[in-house]
Amino acid sequence: MEEFEDDELVWHKVPVKIDESRNYVKALHVAGKKLCLIRENNVLSVTSSRCPHAGADLTHGWCEDGKLICPFHRHRFNIETGQGDEKQHNYIRIYPLKKEDNEFYVGIKKSLWNKIFG
């Protein structure tokens, strides 16, 4: 099963093996999107890959204390909620991730087109 749908999301199979043994921040390509795959302290997260402040590539960032750090201007984002630090007034998108039958799937919202005609 490469993908499946529910009412709001299309679940896409992650095309690479996810390493659950160490911490990292790296690029993840799913459904034509470049996302950011993060593992820190036994938490796996998938976020958007562009910083909303200046568009830097967050896949080149790093994590500290549950925050993804932008490599360009050091903006910080909570890897579970996407919320930026208080004075930033910005956020990144968090994508749901689930594991079924030892495979990981990323949930991407259905487009309006797919909701109407899907």
Protein backbone atom coordinates (compact mmCIF):
# COMPACT_ATOMS: atom_id res chain seq x y z
CA MET A 1 0.00 0.00 0.00
CA GLU A 2 1.71 3.19 -1.23
CA GLU A 3 -1.02 5.58 -0.10
CA PHE A 4 -4.50 5.63 1.38
CA GLU A 5 -7.04 8.29 2.28
CA ASP A 6 -9.26 9.29 5.15
CA ASP A 7 -11.68 12.24 5.31
CA GLU A 8 -9.06 14.99 5.38
CA LEU A 9 -5.67 13.44 4.54
CA VAL A 10 -3.91 11.37 1.94
CA TRP A 11 -1.40 9.10 3.69
CA HIS A 12 1.77 8.60 1.62
CA LYS A 13 4.23 5.82 2.34
CA VAL A 14 7.64 7.17 3.32
CA PRO A 15 9.91 5.96 0.49
CA VAL A 16 13.02 5.48 2.65
CA LYS A 17 13.79 3.52 5.79
CA ILE A 18 13.49 5.75 8.86
CA ASP A 19 16.37 5.36 11.29
CA GLU A 20 14.87 5.15 14.79
CA SER A 21 18.22 4.72 16.54
CA ARG A 22 19.76 8.21 16.47
CA ASN A 23 18.96 11.93 16.29
CA TYR A 24 19.03 13.79 12.95
CA VAL A 25 17.46 16.42 10.71
CA LYS A 26 17.25 15.52 7.02
CA ALA A 27 15.27 15.96 3.83
CA LEU A 28 12.33 13.70 3.06
CA HIS A 29 10.70 13.69 -0.39
CA VAL A 30 7.05 12.58 -0.36
CA ALA A 31 4.26 13.22 -2.89
CA GLY A 32 6.29 15.83 -4.76
CA LYS A 33 7.05 17.77 -1.58
CA LYS A 34 10.37 18.32 0.14
CA LEU A 35 9.77 17.92 3.87
CA CYS A 36 11.99 17.91 6.92
CA LEU A 37 12.29 14.62 8.85
CA ILE A 38 13.48 15.06 12.42
CA ARG A 39 14.31 12.64 15.17
CA GLU A 40 15.25 14.04 18.55
CA ASN A 41 15.06 12.25 21.90
CA ASN A 42 12.85 9.42 20.61
CA VAL A 43 10.41 11.85 18.92
CA LEU A 44 9.93 11.61 15.16
CA SER A 45 8.53 14.69 13.44
CA VAL A 46 7.86 15.76 9.88
CA THR A 47 7.71 19.49 9.14
CA SER A 48 7.73 21.84 6.21
CA SER A 49 11.26 22.37 4.92
CA ARG A 50 11.30 26.16 4.44
CA CYS A 51 11.72 28.70 7.20
CA PRO A 52 8.82 31.19 7.07
CA HIS A 53 11.17 34.03 8.04
CA ALA A 54 13.55 34.08 5.07
CA GLY A 55 12.95 30.81 3.21
CA ALA A 56 16.08 29.00 4.40
CA ASP A 57 16.20 25.22 4.00
CA LEU A 58 15.40 23.76 7.43
CA THR A 59 16.79 20.36 6.40
CA HIS A 60 20.22 21.94 6.98
CA GLY A 61 19.24 22.96 10.51
CA TRP A 62 19.62 21.12 13.81
CA CYS A 63 17.63 20.45 16.99
CA GLU A 64 18.11 21.70 20.54
CA ASP A 65 15.68 20.99 23.38
CA GLY A 66 12.78 20.00 21.13
CA LYS A 67 13.28 22.97 18.78
CA LEU A 68 14.31 22.90 15.12
CA ILE A 69 16.87 25.66 14.56
CA CYS A 70 16.99 27.44 11.20
CA PRO A 71 20.56 27.47 9.85
CA PHE A 72 20.20 31.01 8.46
CA HIS A 73 18.85 33.38 11.13
CA ARG A 74 18.55 30.86 13.99
CA HIS A 75 14.76 31.01 14.26
CA ARG A 76 13.52 28.21 16.52
CA PHE A 77 10.42 26.03 16.01
CA ASN A 78 8.83 23.47 18.32
CA ILE A 79 9.05 20.11 16.52
CA GLU A 80 5.73 18.88 17.92
CA THR A 81 3.56 21.98 17.39
CA GLY A 82 5.45 23.97 14.73
CA GLN A 83 5.14 27.13 16.83
CA GLY A 84 8.05 29.55 16.58
CA ASP A 85 9.59 31.12 19.65
CA GLU A 86 7.41 33.82 21.22
CA LYS A 87 8.95 36.93 19.61
CA GLN A 88 9.18 35.34 16.15
CA HIS A 89 5.40 35.37 15.51
CA ASN A 90 5.66 32.55 12.98
CA TYR A 91 5.36 28.78 12.65
CA ILE A 92 6.14 25.83 10.41
CA ARG A 93 3.70 23.19 9.26
CA ILE A 94 3.72 19.86 11.08
CA TYR A 95 2.70 16.78 9.09
CA PRO A 96 1.24 13.77 10.90
CA LEU A 97 3.36 10.64 10.82
CA LYS A 98 2.17 7.16 11.65
CA LYS A 99 3.56 3.66 11.58
CA GLU A 100 1.54 0.70 10.32
CA ASP A 101 2.91 -2.78 9.65
CA ASN A 102 6.48 -1.51 10.13
CA GLU A 103 6.01 1.16 7.43
CA PHE A 104 5.79 4.90 8.01
CA TYR A 105 3.19 7.15 6.38
CA VAL A 106 3.01 10.96 6.18
CA GLY A 107 -0.42 12.59 6.10
CA ILE A 108 -0.86 15.44 3.62
CA LYS A 109 -4.08 17.43 3.52
CA LYS A 110 -6.27 16.85 0.51
CA SER A 111 -6.38 19.73 -1.91
CA LEU A 112 -9.67 21.54 -2.41
CA TRP A 113 -9.78 20.03 -5.91
CA ASN A 114 -9.52 16.50 -4.48
CA LYS A 115 -12.16 17.23 -1.83
CA ILE A 116 -14.63 18.39 -4.49
CA PHE A 117 -13.84 15.96 -7.32
CA GLY A 118 -11.94 13.14 -5.56
